[in-house]
Amino acid sequence: MIQIEDMTGKSGALCEGARFNAEDKLGNKYQYRYEGTEKTVNGMDIHLHNLTDGTETYVEKKWFGQRKIKIM
């Protein structure tokens, strides 16, 4: 589980398997599933599965602060 805060200052917890919508500053909207955190040489990366286009991605915690997040 991780605590996140989005660009509006709203915070919440994501548990593994949680789904959420993310909207970036350009208005692009995507749906993701939180897969967990993974240790990397740079620290910890957050593993997300993009349900909109079927891709896997790894982000840092600040990624959430650059988007509007709505946990489903």
N, C-alpha and C. Protein backbone atom coordinates (compact mmCIF):
# COMPACT_ATOMS: atom_id res chain seq x y z
N MET A 1 0.84 -1.18 0.00
CA MET A 1 0.00 0.00 0.00
C MET A 1 0.89 1.24 0.00
N ILE A 2 0.47 2.24 -0.77
CA ILE A 2 1.18 3.53 -0.77
C ILE A 2 0.19 4.66 -0.59
N GLN A 3 0.64 5.73 0.01
CA GLN A 3 -0.15 6.96 0.13
C GLN A 3 0.23 7.86 -1.03
N ILE A 4 -0.79 8.41 -1.69
CA ILE A 4 -0.54 9.32 -2.81
C ILE A 4 -1.24 10.65 -2.58
N GLU A 5 -0.78 11.67 -3.28
CA GLU A 5 -1.44 12.97 -3.28
C GLU A 5 -1.43 13.48 -4.70
N ASP A 6 -2.62 13.90 -5.20
CA ASP A 6 -2.68 14.35 -6.58
C ASP A 6 -2.49 15.86 -6.70
N MET A 7 -2.60 16.39 -7.91
CA MET A 7 -2.31 17.80 -8.15
C MET A 7 -3.32 18.74 -7.49
N THR A 8 -4.48 18.22 -7.06
CA THR A 8 -5.47 19.05 -6.38
C THR A 8 -5.26 19.04 -4.87
N GLY A 9 -4.28 18.24 -4.39
CA GLY A 9 -4.01 18.14 -2.97
C GLY A 9 -4.78 17.03 -2.29
N LYS A 10 -5.63 16.33 -3.07
CA LYS A 10 -6.40 15.21 -2.52
C LYS A 10 -5.47 14.02 -2.32
N SER A 11 -5.59 13.35 -1.17
CA SER A 11 -4.72 12.20 -0.90
C SER A 11 -5.55 10.96 -0.63
N GLY A 12 -4.89 9.82 -0.76
CA GLY A 12 -5.56 8.55 -0.52
C GLY A 12 -4.54 7.43 -0.56
N ALA A 13 -5.03 6.23 -0.29
CA ALA A 13 -4.16 5.05 -0.27
C ALA A 13 -4.48 4.17 -1.47
N LEU A 14 -3.41 3.61 -2.04
CA LEU A 14 -3.56 2.63 -3.11
C LEU A 14 -3.06 1.29 -2.60
N CYS A 15 -3.90 0.28 -2.69
CA CYS A 15 -3.51 -1.09 -2.36
C CYS A 15 -3.28 -1.84 -3.67
N GLU A 16 -2.48 -2.89 -3.63
CA GLU A 16 -2.24 -3.67 -4.83
C GLU A 16 -3.56 -4.11 -5.45
N GLY A 17 -3.67 -3.94 -6.76
CA GLY A 17 -4.89 -4.29 -7.48
C GLY A 17 -5.88 -3.15 -7.59
N ALA A 18 -5.65 -2.04 -6.87
CA ALA A 18 -6.57 -0.90 -6.92
C ALA A 18 -6.55 -0.28 -8.31
N ARG A 19 -7.73 0.11 -8.78
CA ARG A 19 -7.87 0.78 -10.07
C ARG A 19 -8.15 2.25 -9.83
N PHE A 20 -7.62 3.06 -10.74
CA PHE A 20 -7.85 4.50 -10.63
C PHE A 20 -7.78 5.14 -12.00
N ASN A 21 -8.42 6.30 -12.09
CA ASN A 21 -8.36 7.13 -13.29
C ASN A 21 -7.35 8.23 -13.05
N ALA A 22 -6.59 8.57 -14.08
CA ALA A 22 -5.61 9.65 -14.00
C ALA A 22 -5.80 10.58 -15.19
N GLU A 23 -5.84 11.88 -14.91
CA GLU A 23 -5.96 12.88 -15.96
C GLU A 23 -4.77 13.82 -15.85
N ASP A 24 -4.02 13.96 -16.95
CA ASP A 24 -2.85 14.83 -16.93
C ASP A 24 -3.23 16.27 -17.23
N LYS A 25 -2.24 17.15 -17.25
CA LYS A 25 -2.47 18.59 -17.44
C LYS A 25 -3.04 18.91 -18.81
N LEU A 26 -2.85 18.02 -19.78
CA LEU A 26 -3.36 18.23 -21.14
C LEU A 26 -4.78 17.69 -21.32
N GLY A 27 -5.32 17.07 -20.26
CA GLY A 27 -6.67 16.53 -20.32
C GLY A 27 -6.74 15.09 -20.81
N ASN A 28 -5.58 14.45 -21.02
CA ASN A 28 -5.56 13.04 -21.41
C ASN A 28 -5.97 12.19 -20.21
N LYS A 29 -6.90 11.26 -20.43
CA LYS A 29 -7.41 10.42 -19.35
C LYS A 29 -7.06 8.96 -19.61
N TYR A 30 -6.58 8.31 -18.56
CA TYR A 30 -6.20 6.91 -18.63
C TYR A 30 -6.68 6.19 -17.37
N GLN A 31 -6.88 4.88 -17.49
CA GLN A 31 -7.24 4.06 -16.34
C GLN A 31 -6.06 3.14 -16.04
N TYR A 32 -5.72 3.04 -14.76
CA TYR A 32 -4.57 2.24 -14.33
C TYR A 32 -4.96 1.27 -13.23
N ARG A 33 -4.12 0.25 -13.06
CA ARG A 33 -4.20 -0.66 -11.91
C ARG A 33 -2.84 -0.63 -11.23
N TYR A 34 -2.85 -0.41 -9.92
CA TYR A 34 -1.61 -0.39 -9.13
C TYR A 34 -1.16 -1.82 -8.89
N GLU A 35 0.06 -2.15 -9.35
CA GLU A 35 0.59 -3.51 -9.23
C GLU A 35 1.52 -3.69 -8.03
N GLY A 36 2.03 -2.60 -7.49
CA GLY A 36 2.93 -2.69 -6.35
C GLY A 36 4.17 -1.84 -6.55
N THR A 37 5.11 -1.95 -5.60
CA THR A 37 6.36 -1.21 -5.71
C THR A 37 7.49 -2.21 -5.92
N GLU A 38 8.52 -1.76 -6.64
CA GLU A 38 9.66 -2.61 -6.92
C GLU A 38 10.94 -1.86 -6.63
N LYS A 39 11.86 -2.53 -5.97
CA LYS A 39 13.15 -1.92 -5.65
C LYS A 39 13.99 -1.84 -6.92
N THR A 40 14.55 -0.65 -7.17
CA THR A 40 15.42 -0.44 -8.32
C THR A 40 16.72 0.19 -7.83
N VAL A 41 17.66 0.39 -8.72
CA VAL A 41 18.93 1.02 -8.34
C VAL A 41 18.72 2.46 -7.90
N ASN A 42 17.62 3.07 -8.33
CA ASN A 42 17.31 4.45 -7.96
C ASN A 42 16.40 4.56 -6.74
N GLY A 43 16.09 3.46 -6.11
CA GLY A 43 15.18 3.47 -4.96
C GLY A 43 14.00 2.57 -5.23
N MET A 44 12.79 3.10 -5.05
CA MET A 44 11.58 2.32 -5.27
C MET A 44 10.79 2.94 -6.42
N ASP A 45 10.36 2.10 -7.35
CA ASP A 45 9.49 2.54 -8.43
C ASP A 45 8.11 1.93 -8.22
N ILE A 46 7.10 2.65 -8.67
CA ILE A 46 5.72 2.22 -8.55
C ILE A 46 5.30 1.60 -9.87
N HIS A 47 4.87 0.36 -9.82
CA HIS A 47 4.50 -0.40 -11.02
C HIS A 47 3.01 -0.23 -11.28
N LEU A 48 2.67 0.28 -12.48
CA LEU A 48 1.29 0.48 -12.88
C LEU A 48 1.02 -0.26 -14.17
N HIS A 49 -0.18 -0.79 -14.30
CA HIS A 49 -0.64 -1.38 -15.56
C HIS A 49 -1.66 -0.41 -16.15
N ASN A 50 -1.37 0.10 -17.36
CA ASN A 50 -2.28 1.01 -18.04
C ASN A 50 -3.38 0.17 -18.68
N LEU A 51 -4.58 0.25 -18.13
CA LEU A 51 -5.70 -0.55 -18.62
C LEU A 51 -6.28 0.02 -19.90
N THR A 52 -5.98 1.28 -20.20
CA THR A 52 -6.49 1.91 -21.41
C THR A 52 -5.79 1.37 -22.66
N ASP A 53 -4.46 1.21 -22.58
CA ASP A 53 -3.73 0.75 -23.77
C ASP A 53 -2.97 -0.57 -23.55
N GLY A 54 -3.09 -1.16 -22.35
CA GLY A 54 -2.50 -2.47 -22.10
C GLY A 54 -1.00 -2.48 -21.84
N THR A 55 -0.40 -1.33 -21.56
CA THR A 55 1.04 -1.28 -21.33
C THR A 55 1.36 -1.26 -19.84
N GLU A 56 2.60 -1.64 -19.52
CA GLU A 56 3.12 -1.57 -18.15
C GLU A 56 3.99 -0.33 -18.05
N THR A 57 3.98 0.32 -16.90
CA THR A 57 4.82 1.50 -16.71
C THR A 57 5.30 1.55 -15.27
N TYR A 58 6.41 2.22 -15.07
CA TYR A 58 6.98 2.43 -13.74
C TYR A 58 7.13 3.92 -13.52
N VAL A 59 6.64 4.42 -12.38
CA VAL A 59 6.66 5.85 -12.10
C VAL A 59 7.21 6.10 -10.70
N GLU A 60 7.55 7.35 -10.46
CA GLU A 60 7.92 7.79 -9.12
C GLU A 60 6.69 8.39 -8.46
N LYS A 61 6.74 8.55 -7.17
CA LYS A 61 5.59 9.06 -6.41
C LYS A 61 5.14 10.44 -6.90
N LYS A 62 6.08 11.26 -7.36
CA LYS A 62 5.73 12.61 -7.81
C LYS A 62 4.84 12.58 -9.06
N TRP A 63 4.80 11.46 -9.78
CA TRP A 63 3.94 11.30 -10.96
C TRP A 63 2.49 11.59 -10.59
N PHE A 64 2.04 11.13 -9.42
CA PHE A 64 0.66 11.32 -8.98
C PHE A 64 0.36 12.80 -8.75
N GLY A 65 1.36 13.55 -8.28
CA GLY A 65 1.18 14.97 -8.02
C GLY A 65 1.06 15.81 -9.28
N GLN A 66 1.28 15.20 -10.43
CA GLN A 66 1.17 15.89 -11.72
C GLN A 66 -0.13 15.56 -12.43
N ARG A 67 -1.03 14.86 -11.75
CA ARG A 67 -2.29 14.42 -12.35
C ARG A 67 -3.44 14.51 -11.35
N LYS A 68 -4.65 14.55 -11.89
CA LYS A 68 -5.86 14.41 -11.08
C LYS A 68 -6.13 12.91 -11.00
N ILE A 69 -6.28 12.42 -9.78
CA ILE A 69 -6.48 10.99 -9.56
C ILE A 69 -7.84 10.73 -8.94
N LYS A 70 -8.54 9.74 -9.48
CA LYS A 70 -9.81 9.32 -8.90
C LYS A 70 -9.74 7.81 -8.69
N ILE A 71 -9.68 7.40 -7.44
CA ILE A 71 -9.61 5.97 -7.11
C ILE A 71 -11.01 5.39 -7.26
N MET A 72 -11.09 4.25 -7.92
CA MET A 72 -12.39 3.63 -8.20
C MET A 72 -12.76 2.64 -7.11
